[in-house]
């Protein structure tokens, strides 16, 4: 039999490694009676073809019959590193080329996503993510609560144009800066105001390591890139929305501007690029069936059982195929609603690694235990 390590995520010393069970050592007795023509799996051998990115495994019986043919694809390192970039697409590799002019900073335009409730506000002093990052957040923190955390009802798509400052590039030689978590419009990271004083209002980023409760379950298509979160600093980053004085805004104007230049106060511009409501993906409540009624007997996702009650959309948090299915369903819905807009745009690599989470060995991100479900060749 053949066990693909991507098929189930679990606590095991071999982590997500794939392996082959080719038979017991020293024994000559099969589990069943062999077929004379070899139409069985009792005796035989495994034929392996190794390449840089794929291992092909073919199971051949004692009669020379091809019984199974599978490919094991390369699994990315759990922790993002600038030394490993095999997941980049051709378009993303083009974005890696050095800047042709200026101090080295580059201009990027790409999609980001936000989970948000019915209320609207300015897209400054916020965090956004690629779609894999938003799905990771929703699955680990939002849909397991009834009603949903923060009253989230939709996934917004943002068209972001950015160019960070020369001060950042000269010091770090990166296109992105440190990631800052924003809460009610205030930066919650210690010393973030000092960062913006040093580099200007730079767009920051971080990767979510694969073994923070996901491995490769939620990853960015098509090559399973890392979930990435971004910070977009606006005016007066040190204070919440209701506490931002005019003086503070003048001293710390943020990076939002319409014609992005890469100056210290002009690093990004955000345009609305559509939204998908949860109720367009699956049904929960309505005008006649409220959250109070729903929560009495149903739940979108139970992180103790790995299944919803009355809702199946979020079932199997560690199943990569299910996660891809959720990801693709949302992309298709955006394409259906906004056919005049590209369904996807190449995302620049987050080339700043100092802000990445450091607690990935202890935190799984879900209350559901990572048990092992074998997925065999036959």
Foldseek 3Di string as FASTA:
>chain_A
DWFQLLFFAADDPVGSDIDDDQDDPPDDDFPDDADPQFPDNRAFDWDWDDDDFKIWIWTAGPNRDTDFIDIHGDFDALADDPVDDVLADPVQVVVVDFDPDDLTKDKDKFKWKDFAAPDDDDPALAKTWHPLQRVLCCLLAFQQDFVTPNRTWKMWMKTKIFIAASQCCVVPVFRFDAAFHGDLQATPDPCVVVVCVRGAQTKHKEFAGCLLQERQQRADPDRSHTIMMIGFHAFQRHDHPVPHDPVSCVVRGGAEDDDADNPRNHTMYIDTLDMDTPVVVPDQADPVQDSVNRVVFWGQANLAVQATGVHGLRRDRHGNVSSVVNVVVVLVVSCVVCVVDDSGDRDHDNPDHPNYDDCSVPHNSTPYHRDDDTDDRD
